[in-house]
Amino acid sequence: MSQVTSTGSAPTEPTLTPDTLPRHLWLVALLVGAAVWIVGAVVTEITDDTILVPNIIILGTFLVPVCTVLFCSRVRARRT
């Protein structure tokens, strides 16, 4: 069901552009991701549960590329 405003047009949702991203989102993502990775590694070591190892590997392989994309999109937005 679509909501219609008093002017007869549907409300527009804000678009997500690099300009609307917080300035240091990449750093927050890196720090939170690193903390989650460390917690996962510690839990895996304490419990000796090898089934958690793929989770640590997958988190680590996504963490740096995602933070790099966030950083580059923000730098590019500032240049334009």
PDB file of N, CA and C in Angstrom:
ATOM      1  N   MET A   1       0.828  -1.175   0.000  1.00  0.00           N
ATOM      2  CA  MET A   1       0.000   0.000   0.000  1.00  0.00           C
ATOM      3  C   MET A   1       0.874   1.239   0.000  1.00  0.00           C
ATOM      4  N   SER A   2       0.617   2.127  -0.861  1.00  0.00           N
ATOM      5  CA  SER A   2       1.418   3.336  -0.987  1.00  0.00           C
ATOM      6  C   SER A   2       0.703   4.493  -0.308  1.00  0.00           C
ATOM      7  N   GLN A   3       1.456   5.262   0.449  1.00  0.00           N
ATOM      8  CA  GLN A   3       0.892   6.448   1.076  1.00  0.00           C
ATOM      9  C   GLN A   3       1.007   7.622   0.113  1.00  0.00           C
ATOM     10  N   VAL A   4      -0.007   8.418   0.076  1.00  0.00           N
ATOM     11  CA  VAL A   4      -0.014   9.577  -0.797  1.00  0.00           C
ATOM     12  C   VAL A   4      -0.100  10.824   0.071  1.00  0.00           C
ATOM     13  N   THR A   5       0.732  11.800  -0.233  1.00  0.00           N
ATOM     14  CA  THR A   5       0.715  13.053   0.526  1.00  0.00           C
ATOM     15  C   THR A   5      -0.435  13.927   0.059  1.00  0.00           C
ATOM     16  N   SER A   6      -0.591  15.048   0.723  1.00  0.00           N
ATOM     17  CA  SER A   6      -1.696  15.952   0.386  1.00  0.00           C
ATOM     18  C   SER A   6      -1.533  16.555  -1.005  1.00  0.00           C
ATOM     19  N   THR A   7      -0.322  16.545  -1.537  1.00  0.00           N
ATOM     20  CA  THR A   7      -0.121  17.095  -2.875  1.00  0.00           C
ATOM     21  C   THR A   7      -0.405  16.065  -3.954  1.00  0.00           C
ATOM     22  N   GLY A   8      -0.683  14.812  -3.546  1.00  0.00           N
ATOM     23  CA  GLY A   8      -1.021  13.785  -4.521  1.00  0.00           C
ATOM     24  C   GLY A   8       0.155  12.951  -4.974  1.00  0.00           C
ATOM     25  N   SER A   9       1.347  13.236  -4.480  1.00  0.00           N
ATOM     26  CA  SER A   9       2.508  12.444  -4.888  1.00  0.00           C
ATOM     27  C   SER A   9       2.976  11.564  -3.737  1.00  0.00           C
ATOM     28  N   ALA A  10       3.602  10.478  -4.081  1.00  0.00           N
ATOM     29  CA  ALA A  10       4.119   9.573  -3.067  1.00  0.00           C
ATOM     30  C   ALA A  10       5.331  10.223  -2.392  1.00  0.00           C
ATOM     31  N   PRO A  11       5.505   9.990  -1.084  1.00  0.00           N
ATOM     32  CA  PRO A  11       6.653  10.587  -0.396  1.00  0.00           C
ATOM     33  C   PRO A  11       7.956   9.967  -0.905  1.00  0.00           C
ATOM     34  N   THR A  12       8.956  10.796  -1.013  1.00  0.00           N
ATOM     35  CA  THR A  12      10.238  10.293  -1.490  1.00  0.00           C
ATOM     36  C   THR A  12      11.096   9.898  -0.300  1.00  0.00           C
ATOM     37  N   GLU A  13      11.810   8.808  -0.453  1.00  0.00           N
ATOM     38  CA  GLU A  13      12.708   8.353   0.597  1.00  0.00           C
ATOM     39  C   GLU A  13      14.078   8.981   0.361  1.00  0.00           C
ATOM     40  N   PRO A  14      14.799   9.271   1.424  1.00  0.00           N
ATOM     41  CA  PRO A  14      16.132   9.856   1.235  1.00  0.00           C
ATOM     42  C   PRO A  14      17.054   8.856   0.555  1.00  0.00           C
ATOM     43  N   THR A  15      17.835   9.335  -0.373  1.00  0.00           N
ATOM     44  CA  THR A  15      18.749   8.455  -1.083  1.00  0.00           C
ATOM     45  C   THR A  15      20.051   8.352  -0.313  1.00  0.00           C
ATOM     46  N   LEU A  16      20.682   7.205  -0.413  1.00  0.00           N
ATOM     47  CA  LEU A  16      21.950   6.975   0.262  1.00  0.00           C
ATOM     48  C   LEU A  16      23.074   7.254  -0.715  1.00  0.00           C
ATOM     49  N   THR A  17      23.756   8.342  -0.501  1.00  0.00           N
ATOM     50  CA  THR A  17      24.881   8.720  -1.338  1.00  0.00           C
ATOM     51  C   THR A  17      26.119   8.840  -0.455  1.00  0.00           C
ATOM     52  N   PRO A  18      27.300   8.853  -1.050  1.00  0.00           N
ATOM     53  CA  PRO A  18      28.503   9.021  -0.228  1.00  0.00           C
ATOM     54  C   PRO A  18      28.501  10.308   0.591  1.00  0.00           C
ATOM     55  N   ASP A  19      27.784  11.321   0.123  1.00  0.00           N
ATOM     56  CA  ASP A  19      27.715  12.575   0.879  1.00  0.00           C
ATOM     57  C   ASP A  19      26.916  12.426   2.174  1.00  0.00           C
ATOM     58  N   THR A  20      25.970  11.491   2.195  1.00  0.00           N
ATOM     59  CA  THR A  20      25.131  11.324   3.380  1.00  0.00           C
ATOM     60  C   THR A  20      25.726  10.359   4.392  1.00  0.00           C
ATOM     61  N   LEU A  21      26.823   9.673   4.043  1.00  0.00           N
ATOM     62  CA  LEU A  21      27.464   8.757   4.976  1.00  0.00           C
ATOM     63  C   LEU A  21      28.212   9.550   6.049  1.00  0.00           C
ATOM     64  N   PRO A  22      28.206   9.063   7.278  1.00  0.00           N
ATOM     65  CA  PRO A  22      29.009   9.731   8.307  1.00  0.00           C
ATOM     66  C   PRO A  22      30.484   9.756   7.914  1.00  0.00           C
ATOM     67  N   ARG A  23      31.182  10.779   8.351  1.00  0.00           N
ATOM     68  CA  ARG A  23      32.555  11.010   7.912  1.00  0.00           C
ATOM     69  C   ARG A  23      33.499   9.857   8.235  1.00  0.00           C
ATOM     70  N   HIS A  24      33.407   9.301   9.419  1.00  0.00           N
ATOM     71  CA  HIS A  24      34.328   8.243   9.840  1.00  0.00           C
ATOM     72  C   HIS A  24      33.630   6.891   9.957  1.00  0.00           C
ATOM     73  N   LEU A  25      32.681   6.623   9.091  1.00  0.00           N
ATOM     74  CA  LEU A  25      31.971   5.341   9.124  1.00  0.00           C
ATOM     75  C   LEU A  25      32.917   4.178   8.892  1.00  0.00           C
ATOM     76  N   TRP A  26      33.913   4.367   8.040  1.00  0.00           N
ATOM     77  CA  TRP A  26      34.862   3.290   7.769  1.00  0.00           C
ATOM     78  C   TRP A  26      35.646   2.927   9.023  1.00  0.00           C
ATOM     79  N   LEU A  27      36.000   3.915   9.833  1.00  0.00           N
ATOM     80  CA  LEU A  27      36.756   3.652  11.053  1.00  0.00           C
ATOM     81  C   LEU A  27      35.895   2.936  12.092  1.00  0.00           C
ATOM     82  N   VAL A  28      34.648   3.348  12.198  1.00  0.00           N
ATOM     83  CA  VAL A  28      33.724   2.683  13.115  1.00  0.00           C
ATOM     84  C   VAL A  28      33.525   1.232  12.684  1.00  0.00           C
ATOM     85  N   ALA A  29      33.342   1.012  11.385  1.00  0.00           N
ATOM     86  CA  ALA A  29      33.166  -0.354  10.881  1.00  0.00           C
ATOM     87  C   ALA A  29      34.405  -1.198  11.138  1.00  0.00           C
ATOM     88  N   LEU A  30      35.582  -0.613  10.973  1.00  0.00           N
ATOM     89  CA  LEU A  30      36.827  -1.337  11.209  1.00  0.00           C
ATOM     90  C   LEU A  30      36.983  -1.703  12.684  1.00  0.00           C
ATOM     91  N   LEU A  31      36.730  -0.758  13.574  1.00  0.00           N
ATOM     92  CA  LEU A  31      36.879  -1.021  14.999  1.00  0.00           C
ATOM     93  C   LEU A  31      35.859  -2.031  15.515  1.00  0.00           C
ATOM     94  N   VAL A  32      34.611  -1.888  15.097  1.00  0.00           N
ATOM     95  CA  VAL A  32      33.580  -2.841  15.521  1.00  0.00           C
ATOM     96  C   VAL A  32      33.865  -4.225  14.939  1.00  0.00           C
ATOM     97  N   GLY A  33      34.243  -4.274  13.668  1.00  0.00           N
ATOM     98  CA  GLY A  33      34.559  -5.553  13.046  1.00  0.00           C
ATOM     99  C   GLY A  33      35.763  -6.219  13.680  1.00  0.00           C
ATOM    100  N   ALA A  34      36.782  -5.436  14.019  1.00  0.00           N
ATOM    101  CA  ALA A  34      37.963  -5.993  14.682  1.00  0.00           C
ATOM    102  C   ALA A  34      37.610  -6.513  16.072  1.00  0.00           C
ATOM    103  N   ALA A  35      36.754  -5.792  16.783  1.00  0.00           N
ATOM    104  CA  ALA A  35      36.336  -6.256  18.110  1.00  0.00           C
ATOM    105  C   ALA A  35      35.553  -7.558  18.005  1.00  0.00           C
ATOM    106  N   VAL A  36      34.662  -7.658  17.035  1.00  0.00           N
ATOM    107  CA  VAL A  36      33.902  -8.895  16.836  1.00  0.00           C
ATOM    108  C   VAL A  36      34.831 -10.038  16.445  1.00  0.00           C
ATOM    109  N   TRP A  37      35.817  -9.740  15.600  1.00  0.00           N
ATOM    110  CA  TRP A  37      36.774 -10.766  15.192  1.00  0.00           C
ATOM    111  C   TRP A  37      37.578 -11.265  16.392  1.00  0.00           C
ATOM    112  N   ILE A  38      38.037 -10.348  17.233  1.00  0.00           N
ATOM    113  CA  ILE A  38      38.811 -10.736  18.417  1.00  0.00           C
ATOM    114  C   ILE A  38      37.956 -11.567  19.374  1.00  0.00           C
ATOM    115  N   VAL A  39      36.723 -11.153  19.587  1.00  0.00           N
ATOM    116  CA  VAL A  39      35.833 -11.923  20.460  1.00  0.00           C
ATOM    117  C   VAL A  39      35.620 -13.328  19.886  1.00  0.00           C
ATOM    118  N   GLY A  40      35.410 -13.409  18.584  1.00  0.00           N
ATOM    119  CA  GLY A  40      35.234 -14.720  17.955  1.00  0.00           C
ATOM    120  C   GLY A  40      36.461 -15.594  18.086  1.00  0.00           C
ATOM    121  N   ALA A  41      37.646 -15.001  17.922  1.00  0.00           N
ATOM    122  CA  ALA A  41      38.888 -15.765  18.061  1.00  0.00           C
ATOM    123  C   ALA A  41      39.085 -16.239  19.496  1.00  0.00           C
ATOM    124  N   VAL A  42      38.781 -15.380  20.460  1.00  0.00           N
ATOM    125  CA  VAL A  42      38.926 -15.761  21.868  1.00  0.00           C
ATOM    126  C   VAL A  42      37.940 -16.866  22.228  1.00  0.00           C
ATOM    127  N   VAL A  43      36.706 -16.728  21.797  1.00  0.00           N
ATOM    128  CA  VAL A  43      35.696 -17.755  22.080  1.00  0.00           C
ATOM    129  C   VAL A  43      36.089 -19.082  21.435  1.00  0.00           C
ATOM    130  N   THR A  44      36.604 -19.023  20.222  1.00  0.00           N
ATOM    131  CA  THR A  44      37.045 -20.249  19.552  1.00  0.00           C
ATOM    132  C   THR A  44      38.194 -20.896  20.311  1.00  0.00           C
ATOM    133  N   GLU A  45      39.120 -20.092  20.805  1.00  0.00           N
ATOM    134  CA  GLU A  45      40.253 -20.632  21.562  1.00  0.00           C
ATOM    135  C   GLU A  45      39.809 -21.222  22.897  1.00  0.00           C
ATOM    136  N   ILE A  46      38.913 -20.524  23.584  1.00  0.00           N
ATOM    137  CA  ILE A  46      38.460 -20.994  24.904  1.00  0.00           C
ATOM    138  C   ILE A  46      37.665 -22.290  24.777  1.00  0.00           C
ATOM    139  N   THR A  47      36.777 -22.359  23.800  1.00  0.00           N
ATOM    140  CA  THR A  47      35.896 -23.512  23.680  1.00  0.00           C
ATOM    141  C   THR A  47      36.502 -24.644  22.860  1.00  0.00           C
ATOM    142  N   ASP A  48      37.600 -24.388  22.167  1.00  0.00           N
ATOM    143  CA  ASP A  48      38.203 -25.385  21.260  1.00  0.00           C
ATOM    144  C   ASP A  48      37.178 -25.921  20.258  1.00  0.00           C
ATOM    145  N   ASP A  49      36.263 -25.074  19.864  1.00  0.00           N
ATOM    146  CA  ASP A  49      35.224 -25.458  18.912  1.00  0.00           C
ATOM    147  C   ASP A  49      35.679 -25.057  17.505  1.00  0.00           C
ATOM    148  N   THR A  50      36.135 -26.016  16.732  1.00  0.00           N
ATOM    149  CA  THR A  50      36.691 -25.720  15.414  1.00  0.00           C
ATOM    150  C   THR A  50      35.626 -25.317  14.393  1.00  0.00           C
ATOM    151  N   ILE A  51      34.371 -25.511  14.708  1.00  0.00           N
ATOM    152  CA  ILE A  51      33.308 -25.132  13.771  1.00  0.00           C
ATOM    153  C   ILE A  51      33.216 -23.603  13.652  1.00  0.00           C
ATOM    154  N   LEU A  52      33.787 -22.872  14.610  1.00  0.00           N
ATOM    155  CA  LEU A  52      33.751 -21.406  14.566  1.00  0.00           C
ATOM    156  C   LEU A  52      34.856 -20.804  13.707  1.00  0.00           C
ATOM    157  N   VAL A  53      35.842 -21.604  13.329  1.00  0.00           N
ATOM    158  CA  VAL A  53      36.973 -21.082  12.554  1.00  0.00           C
ATOM    159  C   VAL A  53      36.528 -20.474  11.220  1.00  0.00           C
ATOM    160  N   PRO A  54      35.628 -21.105  10.451  1.00  0.00           N
ATOM    161  CA  PRO A  54      35.188 -20.462   9.195  1.00  0.00           C
ATOM    162  C   PRO A  54      34.536 -19.094   9.406  1.00  0.00           C
ATOM    163  N   ASN A  55      33.838 -18.926  10.521  1.00  0.00           N
ATOM    164  CA  ASN A  55      33.233 -17.615  10.804  1.00  0.00           C
ATOM    165  C   ASN A  55      34.294 -16.545  10.978  1.00  0.00           C
ATOM    166  N   ILE A  56      35.376 -16.884  11.660  1.00  0.00           N
ATOM    167  CA  ILE A  56      36.462 -15.928  11.866  1.00  0.00           C
ATOM    168  C   ILE A  56      37.123 -15.593  10.528  1.00  0.00           C
ATOM    169  N   ILE A  57      37.329 -16.605   9.709  1.00  0.00           N
ATOM    170  CA  ILE A  57      37.959 -16.388   8.400  1.00  0.00           C
ATOM    171  C   ILE A  57      37.081 -15.518   7.514  1.00  0.00           C
ATOM    172  N   ILE A  58      35.797 -15.807   7.462  1.00  0.00           N
ATOM    173  CA  ILE A  58      34.882 -15.027   6.615  1.00  0.00           C
ATOM    174  C   ILE A  58      34.793 -13.583   7.100  1.00  0.00           C
ATOM    175  N   LEU A  59      34.701 -13.387   8.409  1.00  0.00           N
ATOM    176  CA  LEU A  59      34.647 -12.021   8.946  1.00  0.00           C
ATOM    177  C   LEU A  59      35.913 -11.252   8.600  1.00  0.00           C
ATOM    178  N   GLY A  60      37.053 -11.899   8.728  1.00  0.00           N
ATOM    179  CA  GLY A  60      38.317 -11.248   8.415  1.00  0.00           C
ATOM    180  C   GLY A  60      38.465 -10.900   6.946  1.00  0.00           C
ATOM    181  N   THR A  61      37.956 -11.766   6.069  1.00  0.00           N
ATOM    182  CA  THR A  61      38.094 -11.495   4.638  1.00  0.00           C
ATOM    183  C   THR A  61      37.135 -10.415   4.157  1.00  0.00           C
ATOM    184  N   PHE A  62      36.052 -10.178   4.876  1.00  0.00           N
ATOM    185  CA  PHE A  62      35.127  -9.115   4.482  1.00  0.00           C
ATOM    186  C   PHE A  62      35.441  -7.784   5.148  1.00  0.00           C
ATOM    187  N   LEU A  63      36.107  -7.813   6.265  1.00  0.00           N
ATOM    188  CA  LEU A  63      36.302  -6.604   7.060  1.00  0.00           C
ATOM    189  C   LEU A  63      37.113  -5.534   6.333  1.00  0.00           C
ATOM    190  N   VAL A  64      38.277  -5.872   5.847  1.00  0.00           N
ATOM    191  CA  VAL A  64      39.135  -4.878   5.200  1.00  0.00           C
ATOM    192  C   VAL A  64      38.544  -4.374   3.881  1.00  0.00           C
ATOM    193  N   PRO A  65      38.048  -5.238   2.983  1.00  0.00           N
ATOM    194  CA  PRO A  65      37.465  -4.697   1.742  1.00  0.00           C
ATOM    195  C   PRO A  65      36.257  -3.781   1.975  1.00  0.00           C
ATOM    196  N   VAL A  66      35.397  -4.122   2.922  1.00  0.00           N
ATOM    197  CA  VAL A  66      34.230  -3.272   3.198  1.00  0.00           C
ATOM    198  C   VAL A  66      34.676  -1.924   3.737  1.00  0.00           C
ATOM    199  N   CYS A  67      35.639  -1.926   4.649  1.00  0.00           N
ATOM    200  CA  CYS A  67      36.147  -0.656   5.191  1.00  0.00           C
ATOM    201  C   CYS A  67      36.849   0.166   4.117  1.00  0.00           C
ATOM    202  N   THR A  68      37.545  -0.502   3.209  1.00  0.00           N
ATOM    203  CA  THR A  68      38.205   0.204   2.112  1.00  0.00           C
ATOM    204  C   THR A  68      37.189   0.871   1.198  1.00  0.00           C
ATOM    205  N   VAL A  69      36.115   0.175   0.886  1.00  0.00           N
ATOM    206  CA  VAL A  69      35.062   0.758   0.037  1.00  0.00           C
ATOM    207  C   VAL A  69      34.427   1.953   0.733  1.00  0.00           C
ATOM    208  N   LEU A  70      34.147   1.830   2.023  1.00  0.00           N
ATOM    209  CA  LEU A  70      33.565   2.957   2.760  1.00  0.00           C
ATOM    210  C   LEU A  70      34.505   4.153   2.773  1.00  0.00           C
ATOM    211  N   PHE A  71      35.789   3.898   2.999  1.00  0.00           N
ATOM    212  CA  PHE A  71      36.766   4.985   3.029  1.00  0.00           C
ATOM    213  C   PHE A  71      36.880   5.656   1.661  1.00  0.00           C
ATOM    214  N   CYS A  72      37.018   4.852   0.606  1.00  0.00           N
ATOM    215  CA  CYS A  72      37.195   5.416  -0.741  1.00  0.00           C
ATOM    216  C   CYS A  72      35.966   6.178  -1.206  1.00  0.00           C
ATOM    217  N   SER A  73      34.780   5.687  -0.861  1.00  0.00           N
ATOM    218  CA  SER A  73      33.569   6.403  -1.277  1.00  0.00           C
ATOM    219  C   SER A  73      33.472   7.747  -0.575  1.00  0.00           C
ATOM    220  N   ARG A  74      33.910   7.807   0.655  1.00  0.00           N
ATOM    221  CA  ARG A  74      33.869   9.081   1.385  1.00  0.00           C
ATOM    222  C   ARG A  74      34.913  10.056   0.853  1.00  0.00           C
ATOM    223  N   VAL A  75      36.115   9.565   0.552  1.00  0.00           N
ATOM    224  CA  VAL A  75      37.168  10.426   0.007  1.00  0.00           C
ATOM    225  C   VAL A  75      36.768  10.949  -1.351  1.00  0.00           C
ATOM    226  N   ARG A  76      36.172  10.083  -2.162  1.00  0.00           N
ATOM    227  CA  ARG A  76      35.744  10.500  -3.500  1.00  0.00           C
ATOM    228  C   ARG A  76      34.639  11.540  -3.412  1.00  0.00           C
ATOM    229  N   ALA A  77      33.740  11.408  -2.441  1.00  0.00           N
ATOM    230  CA  ALA A  77      32.647  12.366  -2.291  1.00  0.00           C
ATOM    231  C   ALA A  77      33.179  13.744  -1.899  1.00  0.00           C
ATOM    232  N   ARG A  78      34.253  13.773  -1.102  1.00  0.00           N
ATOM    233  CA  ARG A  78      34.812  15.063  -0.703  1.00  0.00           C
ATOM    234  C   ARG A  78      35.491  15.762  -1.860  1.00  0.00           C
ATOM    235  N   ARG A  79      36.059  14.999  -2.805  1.00  0.00           N
ATOM    236  CA  ARG A  79      36.763  15.599  -3.936  1.00  0.00           C
ATOM    237  C   ARG A  79      35.831  16.217  -4.961  1.00  0.00           C
ATOM    238  N   THR A  80      34.621  15.709  -5.045  1.00  0.00           N
ATOM    239  CA  THR A  80      33.707  16.205  -6.078  1.00  0.00           C
ATOM    240  C   THR A  80      32.859  17.330  -5.565  1.00  0.00           C
TER     241      THR A  80
END
